C-alpha atoms as a PDB file:
ATOM      1  CA  MET A   1       2.469   6.264 -14.130  1.00  0.00           C
ATOM      2  CA  GLU A   2      -0.645   5.176 -12.249  1.00  0.00           C
ATOM      3  CA  ALA A   3      -1.550   2.773 -15.049  1.00  0.00           C
ATOM      4  CA  ASN A   4       1.896   1.178 -14.749  1.00  0.00           C
ATOM      5  CA  ARG A   5       1.402   0.741 -11.011  1.00  0.00           C
ATOM      6  CA  GLU A   6      -1.943  -0.979 -11.499  1.00  0.00           C
ATOM      7  CA  GLN A   7      -0.482  -3.274 -14.146  1.00  0.00           C
ATOM      8  CA  ALA A   8       2.500  -3.991 -11.896  1.00  0.00           C
ATOM      9  CA  ASP A   9       0.126  -4.979  -9.092  1.00  0.00           C
ATOM     10  CA  ARG A  10      -1.704  -7.335 -11.451  1.00  0.00           C
ATOM     11  CA  CYS A  11       1.608  -8.906 -12.486  1.00  0.00           C
ATOM     12  CA  LEU A  12       2.529  -9.431  -8.827  1.00  0.00           C
ATOM     13  CA  ASP A  13      -0.796 -11.161  -8.195  1.00  0.00           C
ATOM     14  CA  ILE A  14      -0.143 -13.471 -11.138  1.00  0.00           C
ATOM     15  CA  ALA A  15       3.396 -14.130  -9.874  1.00  0.00           C
ATOM     16  CA  ARG A  16       2.184 -15.048  -6.390  1.00  0.00           C
ATOM     17  CA  LYS A  17      -0.493 -17.369  -7.739  1.00  0.00           C
ATOM     18  CA  ALA A  18       2.022 -19.036 -10.045  1.00  0.00           C
ATOM     19  CA  LEU A  19       4.437 -19.535  -7.154  1.00  0.00           C
ATOM     20  CA  ALA A  20       1.674 -21.058  -5.040  1.00  0.00           C
ATOM     21  CA  ALA A  21       0.902 -23.412  -7.936  1.00  0.00           C
ATOM     22  CA  GLY A  22       4.568 -24.394  -8.180  1.00  0.00           C
ATOM     23  CA  ASP A  23       5.299 -22.639 -11.484  1.00  0.00           C
ATOM     24  CA  ARG A  24       8.528 -20.872 -10.540  1.00  0.00           C
ATOM     25  CA  ASP A  25       9.406 -19.776 -14.084  1.00  0.00           C
ATOM     26  CA  LYS A  26       6.083 -18.016 -14.579  1.00  0.00           C
ATOM     27  CA  ALA A  27       6.272 -16.510 -11.088  1.00  0.00           C
ATOM     28  CA  LYS A  28       9.729 -15.064 -11.719  1.00  0.00           C
ATOM     29  CA  ARG A  29       8.763 -13.776 -15.167  1.00  0.00           C
ATOM     30  CA  PHE A  30       5.738 -11.866 -13.834  1.00  0.00           C
ATOM     31  CA  ALA A  31       7.539 -10.600 -10.718  1.00  0.00           C
ATOM     32  CA  MET A  32      10.317  -9.201 -12.891  1.00  0.00           C
ATOM     33  CA  LYS A  33       7.786  -7.646 -15.258  1.00  0.00           C
ATOM     34  CA  SER A  34       6.105  -6.007 -12.279  1.00  0.00           C
ATOM     35  CA  ASP A  35       9.426  -4.550 -11.160  1.00  0.00           C
ATOM     36  CA  ARG A  36      10.119  -3.188 -14.654  1.00  0.00           C
ATOM     37  CA  LEU A  37       6.698  -1.543 -14.865  1.00  0.00           C
ATOM     38  CA  PHE A  38       6.792   0.001 -11.406  1.00  0.00           C
ATOM     39  CA  PRO A  39       9.789  -0.765  -9.179  1.00  0.00           C
ATOM     40  CA  SER A  40       8.740  -1.629  -5.636  1.00  0.00           C
ATOM     41  CA  ASP A  41       9.917  -3.440  -2.540  1.00  0.00           C
ATOM     42  CA  ASN A  42       7.052  -5.920  -2.968  1.00  0.00           C
ATOM     43  CA  ALA A  43       8.252  -6.868  -6.443  1.00  0.00           C
ATOM     44  CA  LYS A  44      11.841  -7.259  -5.266  1.00  0.00           C
ATOM     45  CA  ALA A  45      10.721  -9.379  -2.315  1.00  0.00           C
ATOM     46  CA  THR A  46       8.657 -11.610  -4.592  1.00  0.00           C
ATOM     47  CA  ILE A  47      11.609 -12.056  -6.969  1.00  0.00           C
ATOM     48  CA  ALA A  48      13.825 -13.013  -4.015  1.00  0.00           C
ATOM     49  CA  LEU A  49      11.175 -15.426  -2.745  1.00  0.00           C
ATOM     50  CA  VAL A  50      10.953 -17.120  -6.145  1.00  0.00           C
ATOM     51  CA  GLU A  51      14.728 -17.360  -6.479  1.00  0.00           C
ATOM     52  CA  HIS A  52      15.119 -18.911  -3.032  1.00  0.00           C
ATOM     53  CA  SER A  53      12.132 -21.243  -3.159  1.00  0.00           C
ATOM     54  CA  LYS A  54      12.664 -24.930  -3.750  1.00  0.00           C
ATOM     55  CA  PRO A  55      11.410 -26.502  -6.978  1.00  0.00           C
ATOM     56  CA  ALA A  56       8.198 -28.457  -6.669  1.00  0.00           C
ATOM     57  CA  ALA A  57       8.610 -32.194  -6.118  1.00  0.00           C
ATOM     58  CA  ASN A  58       6.425 -33.027  -9.107  1.00  0.00           C
ATOM     59  CA  GLY A  59       8.738 -31.174 -11.491  1.00  0.00           C
ATOM     60  CA  THR A  60       6.344 -28.387 -12.447  1.00  0.00           C
ATOM     61  CA  GLY A  61       7.758 -25.021 -13.337  1.00  0.00           C
ATOM     62  CA  GLY A  62       9.760 -26.095 -16.335  1.00  0.00           C
ATOM     63  CA  ALA A  63      12.972 -26.563 -14.387  1.00  0.00           C
ATOM     64  CA  SER A  64      13.592 -30.075 -15.647  1.00  0.00           C
ATOM     65  CA  PRO A  65      12.077 -32.170 -18.389  1.00  0.00           C
ATOM     66  CA  SER A  66       9.953 -35.141 -17.445  1.00  0.00           C
ATOM     67  CA  PRO A  67      11.669 -38.472 -17.895  1.00  0.00           C
ATOM     68  CA  SER A  68      10.798 -40.378 -21.010  1.00  0.00           C
ATOM     69  CA  PRO A  69       9.494 -43.911 -20.599  1.00  0.00           C
ATOM     70  CA  SER A  70      11.960 -46.645 -21.421  1.00  0.00           C
ATOM     71  CA  PRO A  71      10.955 -49.128 -24.144  1.00  0.00           C
END
C-alpha cells in the first residue's frame, strides 16, 4: 500500500501543476487517479478545486475547440 500512496502523491503533484498551468482536464484526470490509488482528503479537495475552478481565458484545458479562421 505504501507504493500506492507514493504514486498517489506524485499524481496529486502533477494535478496541481496542471491546474496552475490552466489544464483542467489533465488536473482532474490525475487528481482522480490519485484518489483511486490511495483515497485521501487531499485528493478529494483537489478534485473539488478543479471542478469549481473557472476555465482559463485562453481556452487551454481542452474544454472548447479553438475557432477556425474564416476564409
